Amino acid sequence: MDILKPRYVPMNRRRRIYEGKAKILFEGPEPGTLVQFFKDDATAFNKKKMDVIDGKGVLNNRISEHIFSHLNRMGIPTHFIKRLNMREQLIREVEIIPLEVVVRNLAAGSLSTRLGIEEGTVLPRSIIEFYYKNDELNDPMVTEEHITAFGWASPQEIDDIMALAIRVNDFLAGLFLGAGIQLVDFKIECGRLWENDMMRIVVADEISPDSCRLWDVQTKDKLDKDRFRHDMGGLVEAYQEVARRLGILLENERPKGNGPVLVQ
């Protein structure tokens, strides 16, 4: 059976593989595939702040699909196969490396706090940081020494991850700048994709305003999850604006929180 034309199975009949803060992974229609479901849950500060924001998952699904489709066409390997509906994507099953990879172009967030650099300062060059994925430890920042010593990734895999991060940064910076948006920083996750006896590192998870800091070039208005983190309001409207500028939504289109719903 062609995995690009999966047989749709209702969620209440699928086996749940994993549930995170913003997404749920279900068993896919074919071996080696998963269905990734985007929730409306909004979290910040490692779930210390939580809410449900109607329509957020739909927007993140559409925006992430748009970005991953471009990355695939450019030859940047990802887990993404296709979007199935308003809230779901068909993806390849990968072994997630327990690292959050953050690429910073301007000072913001924890970097500004840690180093006392004014938010918005252009960095001398793009900086790549690694954080150990562990909510109980608040995702601590780690070095390459930690990563190799504890066996989270090999030196070659770190090189591959950094090369992917740089390529993704170059693409995203241009994509968003063309839409009048400045890419301040972003987070990606990577995974090991096994194909027979061959393994390669691919970009996984999602790339959306949940995982990027995006500022309007002219006004510096925040168009990302900082609107939720800092009680600014207007999160869905900001995500809609990003989608419209990328040509994903029509000018007056507003995704509702409908489509497949989570069956408990």
Protein backbone atom coordinates (compact mmCIF):
# COMPACT_ATOMS: atom_id res chain seq x y z
CA MET A 1 0.00 0.00 0.00
CA ASP A 2 1.23 3.49 -0.81
CA ILE A 3 1.92 5.32 2.49
CA LEU A 4 1.14 8.59 0.73
CA LYS A 5 -2.50 7.46 0.46
CA PRO A 6 -3.23 6.13 3.94
CA ARG A 7 -6.53 4.65 4.99
CA TYR A 8 -8.02 7.04 7.54
CA VAL A 9 -8.65 5.46 10.94
CA PRO A 10 -10.63 7.40 13.60
CA MET A 11 -8.50 8.44 16.55
CA ASN A 12 -10.48 6.45 19.08
CA ARG A 13 -9.49 3.28 17.19
CA ARG A 14 -5.79 4.11 16.96
CA ARG A 15 -3.06 3.17 19.39
CA ARG A 16 -1.64 6.21 21.13
CA ILE A 17 2.16 6.15 21.07
CA TYR A 18 3.07 9.36 22.90
CA GLU A 19 1.48 12.55 24.17
CA GLY A 20 3.43 15.77 24.58
CA LYS A 21 2.52 19.30 25.55
CA ALA A 22 1.20 20.32 22.13
CA LYS A 23 0.89 17.10 20.11
CA ILE A 24 -0.16 13.46 20.27
CA LEU A 25 1.44 10.68 18.22
CA PHE A 26 -0.69 7.76 17.07
CA GLU A 27 0.21 4.56 15.30
CA GLY A 28 0.32 5.17 11.56
CA PRO A 29 -1.42 3.31 8.73
CA GLU A 30 1.77 1.56 7.63
CA PRO A 31 4.85 0.26 9.48
CA GLY A 32 7.36 3.03 10.06
CA THR A 33 4.72 5.78 10.03
CA LEU A 34 2.92 7.78 12.72
CA VAL A 35 0.04 10.24 12.76
CA GLN A 36 0.89 13.51 14.50
CA PHE A 37 -2.11 15.34 16.00
CA PHE A 38 -1.83 19.06 16.87
CA LYS A 39 -3.64 20.05 20.08
CA ASP A 40 -4.95 23.49 21.05
CA ASP A 41 -3.08 23.31 24.35
CA ALA A 42 -0.75 26.22 25.05
CA THR A 43 1.98 25.80 27.64
CA ALA A 44 4.89 27.89 28.84
CA PHE A 45 7.62 27.63 31.44
CA ASN A 46 7.50 23.82 31.31
CA LYS A 47 3.73 23.60 31.89
CA LYS A 48 3.73 26.02 34.82
CA LYS A 49 1.39 28.11 32.65
CA MET A 50 -1.29 26.31 30.65
CA ASP A 51 -4.40 27.12 28.63
CA VAL A 52 -6.41 25.85 25.67
CA ILE A 53 -6.57 28.29 22.77
CA ASP A 54 -9.16 27.40 20.13
CA GLY A 55 -7.65 27.05 16.66
CA LYS A 56 -3.97 27.12 17.62
CA GLY A 57 -3.38 23.50 16.65
CA VAL A 58 -4.96 24.00 13.23
CA LEU A 59 -2.70 26.97 12.50
CA ASN A 60 0.44 25.21 13.71
CA ASN A 61 -0.40 22.19 11.55
CA ARG A 62 -0.78 24.34 8.44
CA ILE A 63 2.33 26.45 9.08
CA SER A 64 4.50 23.46 9.97
CA GLU A 65 3.30 21.62 6.85
CA HIS A 66 4.24 24.63 4.72
CA ILE A 67 7.75 24.82 6.17
CA PHE A 68 8.48 21.09 6.18
CA SER A 69 7.26 20.72 2.60
CA HIS A 70 9.77 23.39 1.54
CA LEU A 71 12.56 21.72 3.51
CA ASN A 72 11.82 18.37 1.86
CA ARG A 73 11.91 19.96 -1.59
CA MET A 74 15.26 21.55 -0.77
CA GLY A 75 16.75 18.19 0.17
CA ILE A 76 16.83 18.89 3.91
CA PRO A 77 15.71 15.56 5.41
CA THR A 78 12.65 15.62 7.70
CA HIS A 79 10.14 13.18 9.16
CA PHE A 80 7.24 14.88 7.33
CA ILE A 81 5.29 13.01 4.63
CA LYS A 82 2.02 14.94 4.20
CA ARG A 83 -0.79 16.73 6.01
CA LEU A 84 -3.85 14.52 6.42
CA ASN A 85 -6.44 17.03 7.59
CA MET A 86 -6.80 20.20 9.65
CA ARG A 87 -5.08 18.75 12.72
CA GLU A 88 -3.06 15.75 11.59
CA GLN A 89 0.09 14.95 9.65
CA LEU A 90 1.49 11.67 8.41
CA ILE A 91 5.12 11.41 9.48
CA ARG A 92 7.92 8.87 9.46
CA GLU A 93 8.68 7.20 12.76
CA VAL A 94 12.06 8.31 14.06
CA GLU A 95 14.12 7.76 17.19
CA ILE A 96 14.04 11.20 18.79
CA ILE A 97 17.37 12.48 20.09
CA PRO A 98 16.69 13.95 23.57
CA LEU A 99 17.92 17.43 22.70
CA GLU A 100 16.29 20.73 21.88
CA VAL A 101 18.42 22.55 19.34
CA VAL A 102 18.03 26.33 19.55
CA VAL A 103 19.39 28.67 16.88
CA ARG A 104 19.62 32.34 17.86
CA ASN A 105 20.03 35.29 15.49
CA LEU A 106 19.04 38.08 17.88
CA ALA A 107 19.21 38.25 21.66
CA ALA A 108 15.91 37.39 23.34
CA GLY A 109 14.41 35.24 26.07
CA SER A 110 16.81 33.28 28.26
CA LEU A 111 19.89 34.46 26.35
CA SER A 112 19.15 38.08 27.24
CA THR A 113 18.51 37.08 30.86
CA ARG A 114 21.61 34.90 31.20
CA LEU A 115 24.09 37.26 29.57
CA GLY A 116 22.50 40.64 30.24
CA ILE A 117 22.20 41.44 26.54
CA GLU A 118 19.42 43.80 25.54
CA GLU A 119 16.57 42.03 23.77
CA GLY A 120 16.73 42.63 20.04
CA THR A 121 20.51 42.98 19.86
CA VAL A 122 21.81 41.40 16.64
CA LEU A 123 24.28 38.67 17.57
CA PRO A 124 27.79 38.64 16.03
CA ARG A 125 26.80 35.39 14.34
CA SER A 126 24.07 32.81 14.67
CA ILE A 127 24.52 30.81 17.87
CA ILE A 128 23.47 27.18 18.32
CA GLU A 129 22.60 25.97 21.83
CA PHE A 130 21.62 22.51 23.10
CA TYR A 131 19.12 21.77 25.86
CA TYR A 132 18.49 18.36 27.40
CA LYS A 133 14.82 17.39 26.88
CA ASN A 134 13.60 16.75 30.41
CA ASP A 135 10.60 18.66 31.76
CA GLU A 136 11.33 17.62 35.35
CA LEU A 137 14.73 19.32 35.10
CA ASN A 138 13.34 22.33 33.18
CA ASP A 139 15.25 21.37 30.00
CA PRO A 140 18.74 22.39 31.20
CA MET A 141 21.27 23.83 28.78
CA VAL A 142 24.06 21.34 27.99
CA THR A 143 27.34 21.30 26.08
CA GLU A 144 28.68 18.94 23.45
CA GLU A 145 30.74 17.36 26.24
CA HIS A 146 27.59 16.45 28.14
CA ILE A 147 25.92 15.13 25.00
CA THR A 148 28.75 12.77 24.07
CA ALA A 149 29.59 11.77 27.67
CA PHE A 150 26.03 10.66 28.40
CA GLY A 151 25.56 9.04 25.00
CA TRP A 152 22.68 11.21 23.82
CA ALA A 153 24.40 11.69 20.45
CA SER A 154 27.78 10.89 18.92
CA PRO A 155 30.25 13.56 17.73
CA GLN A 156 29.28 12.81 14.12
CA GLU A 157 25.58 13.12 14.95
CA ILE A 158 26.23 16.47 16.65
CA ASP A 159 27.97 17.66 13.48
CA ASP A 160 25.00 16.47 11.40
CA ILE A 161 22.52 18.19 13.74
CA MET A 162 24.44 21.48 13.62
CA ALA A 163 24.69 21.33 9.83
CA LEU A 164 20.92 20.76 9.60
CA ALA A 165 20.25 23.61 12.05
CA ILE A 166 22.34 26.04 9.98
CA ARG A 167 20.58 25.05 6.76
CA VAL A 168 17.15 25.37 8.37
CA ASN A 169 18.12 28.78 9.79
CA ASP A 170 19.24 30.05 6.39
CA PHE A 171 15.98 28.92 4.80
CA LEU A 172 13.67 30.19 7.55
CA ALA A 173 15.39 33.57 7.79
CA GLY A 174 14.83 34.16 4.07
CA LEU A 175 11.30 32.76 4.07
CA PHE A 176 10.15 34.97 6.92
CA LEU A 177 12.05 38.07 5.79
CA GLY A 178 10.23 37.84 2.47
CA ALA A 179 7.00 38.05 4.49
CA GLY A 180 8.16 41.06 6.51
CA ILE A 181 9.00 38.94 9.57
CA GLN A 182 12.30 38.77 11.44
CA LEU A 183 13.43 35.33 12.63
CA VAL A 184 14.79 36.02 16.11
CA ASP A 185 15.39 32.40 17.13
CA PHE A 186 13.83 28.96 16.79
CA LYS A 187 13.94 25.44 18.21
CA ILE A 188 14.08 22.16 16.35
CA GLU A 189 14.29 18.55 17.38
CA CYS A 190 16.07 15.86 15.41
CA GLY A 191 15.69 12.13 15.15
CA ARG A 192 17.36 9.04 13.76
CA LEU A 193 15.54 7.68 10.71
CA TRP A 194 16.35 4.05 10.06
CA GLU A 195 16.03 2.72 6.51
CA ASN A 196 17.10 -0.93 6.48
CA ASP A 197 20.65 -0.83 7.89
CA MET A 198 21.16 2.84 7.06
CA MET A 199 20.56 5.67 9.52
CA ARG A 200 20.40 9.39 8.93
CA ILE A 201 19.60 12.40 11.10
CA VAL A 202 16.41 14.25 10.13
CA VAL A 203 14.46 17.27 11.36
CA ALA A 204 11.42 16.16 13.39
CA ASP A 205 8.68 17.57 15.65
CA GLU A 206 7.30 20.86 14.22
CA ILE A 207 8.37 24.32 13.12
CA SER A 208 5.69 26.89 13.90
CA PRO A 209 5.17 30.10 15.90
CA ASP A 210 5.13 27.81 18.95
CA SER A 211 8.81 27.02 18.36
CA CYS A 212 10.05 30.27 16.78
CA ARG A 213 10.37 33.88 17.90
CA LEU A 214 8.98 35.99 15.07
CA TRP A 215 8.87 39.79 15.06
CA ASP A 216 7.30 42.13 12.54
CA VAL A 217 10.22 43.78 10.71
CA GLN A 218 8.76 47.28 10.94
CA THR A 219 6.88 47.38 14.25
CA LYS A 220 8.74 44.63 16.18
CA ASP A 221 5.35 43.25 17.21
CA LYS A 222 5.66 39.68 18.47
CA LEU A 223 3.96 37.08 16.26
CA ASP A 224 4.77 34.00 18.32
CA LYS A 225 4.17 32.17 21.61
CA ASP A 226 5.71 35.03 23.61
CA ARG A 227 2.23 36.55 23.36
CA PHE A 228 1.03 33.71 25.59
CA ARG A 229 4.14 33.57 27.79
CA HIS A 230 3.88 37.27 28.67
CA ASP A 231 0.07 37.65 28.78
CA MET A 232 -0.01 39.90 25.72
CA GLY A 233 -3.13 38.31 24.23
CA GLY A 234 -3.91 37.92 20.55
CA LEU A 235 -2.01 34.66 20.07
CA VAL A 236 -4.33 33.15 17.46
CA GLU A 237 -4.50 36.46 15.59
CA ALA A 238 -0.68 36.62 15.51
CA TYR A 239 -0.43 33.05 14.21
CA GLN A 240 -3.09 33.87 11.60
CA GLU A 241 -1.02 36.86 10.49
CA VAL A 242 2.05 34.65 10.03
CA ALA A 243 -0.01 32.16 8.00
CA ARG A 244 -1.50 34.92 5.82
CA ARG A 245 1.90 36.45 5.10
CA LEU A 246 3.26 33.04 4.11
CA GLY A 247 0.35 32.64 1.69
CA ILE A 248 -1.22 29.76 3.63
CA LEU A 249 -4.48 31.51 4.54
CA LEU A 250 -6.71 33.78 2.53
CA GLU A 251 -7.04 37.32 3.86
CA ASN A 252 -10.36 36.72 5.63
CA GLU A 253 -9.98 33.03 6.43
CA ARG A 254 -10.01 32.06 10.09
CA PRO A 255 -9.33 28.45 11.01
CA LYS A 256 -11.77 27.28 13.63
CA GLY A 257 -11.02 24.68 16.23
CA ASN A 258 -12.93 22.04 14.31
CA GLY A 259 -11.79 19.04 12.33
CA PRO A 260 -10.94 15.78 14.09
CA VAL A 261 -11.25 16.12 17.85
CA LEU A 262 -9.46 14.19 20.52
CA VAL A 263 -11.48 11.22 21.76
CA GLN A 264 -10.62 10.43 25.38
